[in-house]
Protein backbone atom coordinates (compact mmCIF):
# COMPACT_ATOMS: atom_id res chain seq x y z
CA MET A 1 90.48 103.81 103.11
CA SER A 2 92.87 103.29 100.19
CA ASP A 3 94.97 105.83 98.32
CA VAL A 4 94.04 104.09 95.04
CA ALA A 5 90.64 104.54 93.41
CA LEU A 6 88.40 101.49 93.36
CA SER A 7 88.34 101.66 89.56
CA HIS A 8 92.06 100.78 89.63
CA ARG A 9 91.77 98.12 92.34
CA VAL A 10 89.11 95.95 90.71
CA ALA A 11 90.13 93.88 87.70
CA ALA A 12 86.67 93.90 86.13
CA PRO A 13 86.06 91.68 83.09
CA ALA A 14 85.17 93.44 79.85
CA GLN A 15 82.10 91.21 79.50
CA ALA A 16 79.75 89.42 81.89
CA PRO A 17 78.71 86.55 79.59
CA LEU A 18 75.42 84.77 80.17
CA PRO A 19 75.64 81.26 81.65
CA GLN A 20 75.44 78.20 79.43
CA SER A 21 73.72 75.91 81.93
CA ASN A 22 72.29 72.72 80.50
CA GLY A 23 68.51 72.77 80.10
CA VAL A 24 68.06 76.46 80.98
CA SER A 25 67.76 79.48 78.71
CA TRP A 26 68.83 82.85 80.06
CA ARG A 27 67.50 86.33 79.46
CA ARG A 28 67.07 89.62 81.27
CA ALA A 29 64.19 90.00 83.72
CA THR A 30 61.49 92.65 83.25
CA ILE A 31 58.60 93.91 85.35
CA GLU A 32 56.31 91.67 83.29
CA ASP A 33 58.07 88.68 84.91
CA LEU A 34 57.23 89.83 88.45
CA ASP A 35 54.48 87.30 89.22
CA SER A 36 56.56 84.36 87.94
CA ILE A 37 59.64 85.51 89.86
CA VAL A 38 57.67 85.91 93.10
CA ASP A 39 56.10 82.45 92.77
CA ALA A 40 59.47 80.80 92.13
CA CYS A 41 61.17 82.81 94.87
CA HIS A 42 58.63 81.57 97.40
CA LEU A 43 59.44 77.97 96.42
CA VAL A 44 63.05 78.78 97.31
CA ASP A 45 62.07 80.54 100.53
CA ARG A 46 60.01 77.57 101.76
CA GLU A 47 63.06 75.36 101.31
CA ASP A 48 65.78 77.67 102.64
CA HIS A 49 64.03 79.82 105.27
CA PRO A 50 60.33 78.93 105.59
CA TRP A 51 59.83 81.38 108.45
CA TYR A 52 60.37 84.28 106.02
CA LEU A 53 58.92 84.72 102.53
CA THR A 54 60.38 87.49 100.38
CA PRO A 55 57.76 90.24 100.02
CA ARG A 56 56.53 90.94 96.51
CA ASP A 57 57.35 94.62 97.02
CA GLU A 58 61.04 93.87 97.51
CA ILE A 59 61.30 92.05 94.18
CA GLU A 60 59.26 94.75 92.45
CA ASP A 61 61.64 97.38 93.83
CA ASP A 62 64.60 95.47 92.35
CA LEU A 63 62.95 95.62 88.92
CA THR A 64 61.85 99.26 89.03
CA SER A 65 64.45 101.21 91.05
CA SER A 66 66.30 103.97 89.23
CA PHE A 67 69.64 102.50 90.30
CA VAL A 68 68.94 99.03 88.79
CA ASN A 69 69.23 98.62 85.02
CA THR A 70 67.30 95.45 84.26
CA ALA A 71 68.97 95.22 80.85
CA THR A 72 72.39 94.71 82.45
CA ASP A 73 71.83 93.94 86.15
CA THR A 74 69.28 91.09 86.08
CA LEU A 75 69.22 87.53 84.80
CA LEU A 76 66.38 85.02 84.54
CA GLY A 77 66.79 81.29 84.00
CA VAL A 78 63.83 79.69 82.23
CA ALA A 79 63.11 76.01 81.55
CA ALA A 80 61.84 74.73 78.20
CA ASP A 81 58.24 74.84 79.44
CA GLY A 82 58.59 78.51 80.45
CA GLU A 83 59.00 77.84 84.18
CA VAL A 84 61.26 80.31 86.00
CA VAL A 85 63.96 78.22 87.68
CA ALA A 86 66.64 80.79 88.53
CA TYR A 87 66.94 84.51 89.10
CA GLY A 88 69.73 86.92 89.85
CA VAL A 89 70.15 90.66 90.32
CA VAL A 90 73.22 92.76 91.09
CA ILE A 91 72.52 96.04 92.88
CA LEU A 92 75.09 98.81 93.21
CA GLY A 93 73.87 100.95 96.09
CA PRO A 94 72.96 104.53 95.18
CA THR A 95 74.99 106.01 98.07
CA GLN A 96 78.67 105.52 98.86
CA ALA A 97 79.33 107.40 102.08
CA THR A 98 81.67 104.84 103.66
CA LEU A 99 81.50 101.82 101.36
CA VAL A 100 80.90 100.94 97.71
CA ARG A 101 78.62 97.92 97.97
CA CYS A 102 77.14 95.60 95.37
CA ILE A 103 74.48 93.22 96.65
CA LEU A 104 74.15 89.89 94.85
CA PHE A 105 70.66 88.48 95.27
CA GLY A 106 69.82 85.23 93.52
CA TRP A 107 68.53 81.69 93.76
CA VAL A 108 67.77 78.42 91.99
CA VAL A 109 64.51 76.61 92.72
CA PRO A 110 65.11 73.41 94.73
CA GLN A 111 64.08 70.99 91.96
CA TRP A 112 66.78 72.38 89.65
CA ARG A 113 69.69 72.38 92.07
CA GLY A 114 72.73 70.15 91.71
CA ARG A 115 73.21 70.89 87.98
CA GLY A 116 75.70 73.73 88.21
CA ILE A 117 73.09 76.42 87.60
CA GLY A 118 73.75 78.25 90.86
CA ARG A 119 77.50 78.22 90.27
CA ASP A 120 77.05 79.68 86.77
CA LEU A 121 74.59 82.29 88.01
CA LEU A 122 76.94 83.41 90.78
CA ALA A 123 79.84 83.64 88.30
CA TRP A 124 77.75 86.02 86.17
CA GLN A 125 76.73 88.04 89.21
CA GLU A 126 80.32 88.37 90.36
CA ALA A 127 81.48 89.51 86.92
CA ARG A 128 78.70 92.10 86.73
CA GLY A 129 79.36 93.21 90.31
CA MET A 130 83.04 93.76 89.57
CA GLN A 131 82.07 95.84 86.56
CA GLN A 132 79.86 97.96 88.81
CA LEU A 133 82.55 98.41 91.46
CA ALA A 134 85.04 99.44 88.78
CA THR A 135 82.85 102.40 87.82
CA SER A 136 83.66 104.05 91.16
CA GLU A 137 86.51 106.51 91.62
CA ALA A 138 86.08 106.34 95.40
CA LEU A 139 89.01 105.54 97.70
CA LEU A 140 86.60 103.55 99.88
CA PRO A 141 86.42 99.76 100.32
CA GLY A 142 84.40 97.93 97.68
CA ARG A 143 82.39 94.83 98.51
CA LEU A 144 80.40 92.15 96.75
CA VAL A 145 77.84 91.06 99.35
CA ILE A 146 75.59 88.03 99.71
CA PHE A 147 72.98 87.87 102.49
CA SER A 148 71.91 84.35 103.40
CA ALA A 149 70.07 82.46 106.09
CA GLU A 150 72.55 80.22 107.88
CA ALA A 151 70.12 77.34 107.31
CA ALA A 152 70.28 77.81 103.51
CA ASP A 153 73.02 75.19 103.21
CA ALA A 154 73.23 75.18 99.41
CA GLN A 155 73.59 78.95 99.11
CA VAL A 156 76.11 79.21 101.94
CA ALA A 157 78.21 76.36 100.53
CA LEU A 158 78.13 77.92 97.05
CA ALA A 159 79.23 81.32 98.37
CA ARG A 160 82.03 79.85 100.49
CA ALA A 161 83.28 77.74 97.57
CA ALA A 162 83.45 80.91 95.47
CA GLY A 163 85.64 82.61 98.07
CA TYR A 164 83.11 84.63 100.04
CA ARG A 165 83.71 84.81 103.77
CA VAL A 166 81.46 85.66 106.67
CA PHE A 167 81.93 89.29 107.70
CA ARG A 168 79.05 89.42 110.17
CA TYR A 169 76.33 87.34 111.83
CA PHE A 170 72.82 88.66 112.36
CA LEU A 171 70.37 87.19 114.85
CA GLU A 172 66.62 86.93 114.48
CA LEU A 173 65.04 87.70 117.84
CA ILE A 174 61.51 86.66 118.85
CA ARG A 175 59.28 88.09 121.57
CA ASP A 176 56.24 86.18 122.85
CA LEU A 177 53.53 88.81 123.29
CA SER A 178 51.56 86.65 125.72
CA GLU A 179 54.23 87.54 128.28
CA PRO A 180 53.91 90.87 130.13
CA ILE A 181 55.37 93.89 128.36
CA PRO A 182 57.38 96.10 130.71
CA GLU A 183 56.33 99.66 131.38
CA VAL A 184 59.15 101.89 130.20
CA PRO A 185 58.32 105.55 130.74
CA ALA A 186 59.57 108.11 128.25
CA PRO A 187 62.27 110.39 129.70
CA GLU A 188 61.35 113.91 130.72
CA GLY A 189 60.63 116.15 127.74
CA ILE A 190 60.06 113.21 125.37
CA HIS A 191 56.63 112.21 124.08
CA ILE A 192 55.78 108.94 122.33
CA VAL A 193 53.21 109.44 119.57
CA PRO A 194 51.75 107.40 116.72
CA MET A 195 53.58 107.63 113.41
CA ASP A 196 51.87 110.28 111.29
CA LEU A 197 52.51 109.83 107.58
CA PRO A 198 52.94 111.74 105.36
CA LYS A 199 53.24 114.64 107.85
CA GLN A 200 56.34 113.23 109.60
CA SER A 201 57.89 111.62 106.53
CA GLY A 202 60.58 114.20 105.78
CA ALA A 203 61.72 114.51 109.39
CA LEU A 204 61.73 110.73 109.83
CA PHE A 205 63.82 110.30 106.69
CA LEU A 206 66.49 112.65 108.05
CA ALA A 207 66.35 111.05 111.51
CA GLN A 208 66.72 107.57 109.98
CA ASN A 209 69.91 108.51 108.16
CA ASP A 210 71.32 110.26 111.23
CA ALA A 211 70.54 107.36 113.55
CA PHE A 212 72.32 104.77 111.41
CA ARG A 213 75.26 106.68 109.95
CA ASP A 214 77.67 105.12 112.47
CA HIS A 215 76.25 101.56 112.35
CA TRP A 216 78.41 98.86 110.79
CA GLY A 217 77.63 98.30 107.11
CA SER A 218 74.88 100.92 107.05
CA LEU A 219 74.67 103.42 104.19
CA PRO A 220 72.40 106.47 103.91
CA TRP A 221 69.09 105.95 102.17
CA THR A 222 67.98 108.04 99.23
CA LEU A 223 64.47 109.50 99.14
CA GLU A 224 63.60 106.86 96.56
CA GLN A 225 64.57 104.06 98.96
CA TRP A 226 62.70 105.78 101.79
CA ASP A 227 59.52 106.08 99.72
CA GLN A 228 59.79 102.41 98.77
CA HIS A 229 60.09 101.49 102.43
CA ILE A 230 57.15 103.47 103.80
CA GLY A 231 55.06 102.75 100.71
CA ALA A 232 55.39 98.96 100.93
CA SER A 233 52.16 97.03 101.34
CA ASN A 234 53.47 95.31 104.49
CA PHE A 235 54.46 98.53 106.25
CA ARG A 236 52.18 99.33 109.18
CA PRO A 237 52.44 102.96 110.36
CA ASP A 238 49.60 102.27 112.82
CA LEU A 239 51.88 99.77 114.61
CA SER A 240 54.91 102.06 114.36
CA VAL A 241 55.74 104.75 116.91
CA VAL A 242 57.77 107.95 117.11
CA ALA A 243 59.35 109.81 120.03
CA VAL A 244 59.46 113.60 119.79
CA ASP A 245 60.81 116.29 122.12
CA ASP A 246 58.98 119.40 123.25
CA ARG A 247 59.93 121.16 120.02
CA GLY A 248 58.60 118.30 117.88
CA GLU A 249 62.06 117.07 116.87
CA ILE A 250 62.32 113.33 116.16
CA ALA A 251 64.05 111.62 119.09
CA GLY A 252 63.43 107.95 118.27
CA PHE A 253 61.29 105.63 116.19
CA VAL A 254 60.18 102.05 115.60
CA HIS A 255 58.98 100.81 112.21
CA THR A 256 56.73 97.76 112.05
CA GLU A 257 55.75 95.51 109.14
CA VAL A 258 53.27 92.65 108.97
CA ASN A 259 53.59 89.94 106.33
CA PRO A 260 50.79 87.36 106.71
CA ASP A 261 52.61 85.12 104.20
CA ASP A 262 55.18 84.41 106.94
CA PHE A 263 52.70 83.09 109.49
CA ALA A 264 52.37 79.49 108.26
CA GLY A 265 56.14 78.89 108.14
CA GLN A 266 56.69 80.59 111.49
CA GLY A 267 53.88 78.74 113.21
CA PHE A 268 52.53 81.98 114.68
CA SER A 269 51.32 85.41 113.62
CA SER A 270 53.82 88.23 114.01
CA GLY A 271 54.75 91.84 113.60
CA TYR A 272 58.24 92.43 112.20
CA ILE A 273 60.09 95.37 113.73
CA SER A 274 62.24 96.44 110.81
CA ILE A 275 63.89 99.54 112.32
CA VAL A 276 64.59 100.80 115.83
CA GLY A 277 66.51 104.07 115.81
CA VAL A 278 67.56 107.00 117.96
CA PRO A 279 69.30 110.03 116.40
CA ARG A 280 72.71 110.60 117.88
CA ALA A 281 71.77 113.80 119.75
CA PHE A 282 69.18 111.87 121.80
CA ARG A 283 71.18 108.77 122.74
CA GLY A 284 71.77 107.71 126.32
CA ARG A 285 68.30 108.70 127.59
CA ARG A 286 66.56 105.29 127.35
CA ILE A 287 64.38 106.42 124.47
CA ALA A 288 64.87 103.17 122.53
CA PRO A 289 63.35 100.87 125.19
CA ALA A 290 60.44 103.30 125.63
CA VAL A 291 59.48 103.37 121.94
CA LEU A 292 60.12 99.64 121.63
CA ALA A 293 57.80 98.78 124.54
CA GLU A 294 55.06 100.96 123.07
CA ALA A 295 55.44 99.27 119.68
CA LEU A 296 55.15 95.85 121.34
CA ARG A 297 51.90 96.94 123.00
CA ARG A 298 50.52 98.07 119.66
CA ILE A 299 51.51 94.83 117.91
CA LYS A 300 49.89 92.81 120.69
CA ALA A 301 46.71 94.93 120.59
CA ASP A 302 46.47 94.14 116.87
CA GLY A 303 46.01 90.48 117.78
CA LEU A 304 49.45 89.29 116.72
CA GLU A 305 51.16 86.59 118.78
CA GLN A 306 54.87 87.41 118.46
CA ALA A 307 57.19 90.27 117.58
CA VAL A 308 60.27 89.57 115.45
CA LEU A 309 63.34 91.62 114.63
CA ASP A 310 66.91 91.20 113.38
CA VAL A 311 70.03 92.53 115.06
CA ASP A 312 73.72 92.65 114.26
CA SER A 313 75.23 90.19 116.75
CA GLU A 314 78.28 92.46 117.19
CA ASN A 315 76.41 95.76 117.39
CA PRO A 316 78.55 97.98 119.65
CA THR A 317 75.62 100.15 120.83
CA GLY A 318 74.26 97.42 123.10
CA ALA A 319 71.28 96.67 120.88
CA LEU A 320 71.21 92.97 121.75
CA ALA A 321 71.05 93.75 125.48
CA LEU A 322 68.31 96.30 124.80
CA TYR A 323 66.13 93.73 123.05
CA GLU A 324 66.80 91.01 125.59
CA GLY A 325 65.84 93.53 128.28
CA VAL A 326 62.31 93.78 126.91
CA GLY A 327 61.90 90.03 126.51
CA PHE A 328 63.30 89.08 123.10
CA ARG A 329 65.06 85.74 122.75
CA ALA A 330 67.45 84.54 120.03
CA GLY A 331 66.14 82.49 117.13
CA VAL A 332 67.91 81.69 113.83
CA ARG A 333 71.03 83.34 112.40
CA SER A 334 71.74 84.89 109.02
CA LEU A 335 75.06 85.64 107.38
CA TYR A 336 76.65 88.63 105.67
CA LEU A 337 79.13 87.07 103.25
CA ALA A 338 81.39 89.24 101.14
CA LYS A 339 84.49 89.75 99.06
CA GLU A 340 86.31 93.02 99.67
CA TYR A 341 88.49 94.98 97.29
């Protein structure tokens, strides 16, 4: 916490000029570009992290969210033949409880790398991100953040060369569902039930924000973000589970997604466990392993071969030990790179 407002700590440029990369014209992205952006993004994904393809819904959310102004916060690089070769978006999070965070998401398709396009795109993103941070009067830390697979050598090298440092490592964990799933009984007074949307939506939204308010780097979700999450085409409420107490209060939850586009690159079919949470009032009762084991059984019963999730490698709540305790094993790493103001 600083005693100086972020608006006075960030020397934001007056303008964020468009790049002048050779052979590429630049303009703002619109929702009409969605199909072209998704196709180009998947070319990038197959090069940088073939086990994970960016869902179409995520890119659509970037172009339609109320907190993203496509006229100022997006940039599209287009070749002379109309091919999308680069894309960038700068997203100032809609909540600032403990941190003012701008996420820089962008890429250059592999065939167009090595021409300075990525460097120019990142320079624009950084300038726009600094402008966004400078709009805040908060006394909180401000960060420009880049998420990257560790294996994405070009992106990691570009970020490091621009002065971004690794703040955190995240591990992808994989669980072979052909192996026995342990029986983990729910504690007394706790009942594990299928996720019931939309009936449970409001209570789950509140429980989600409570469960993660003390996790590193986590910020509360808005209802808009929540609706985007549960409304995504890959979200599977039938493979998600909820723990409730005798009064019906939410005591824990697991959210599961299935993206068949990932299967070829992974070499197996999978369910992705996107969220495992326990509200603070219910911690210490072994609710998390109980809901997790039940979710694994549901994913297996759906005919999927593996379960996958991501975890903060330095999570102080013992999450890594929890997942290893039900049979998950470490896979690849991803990086949280940032500049802090």
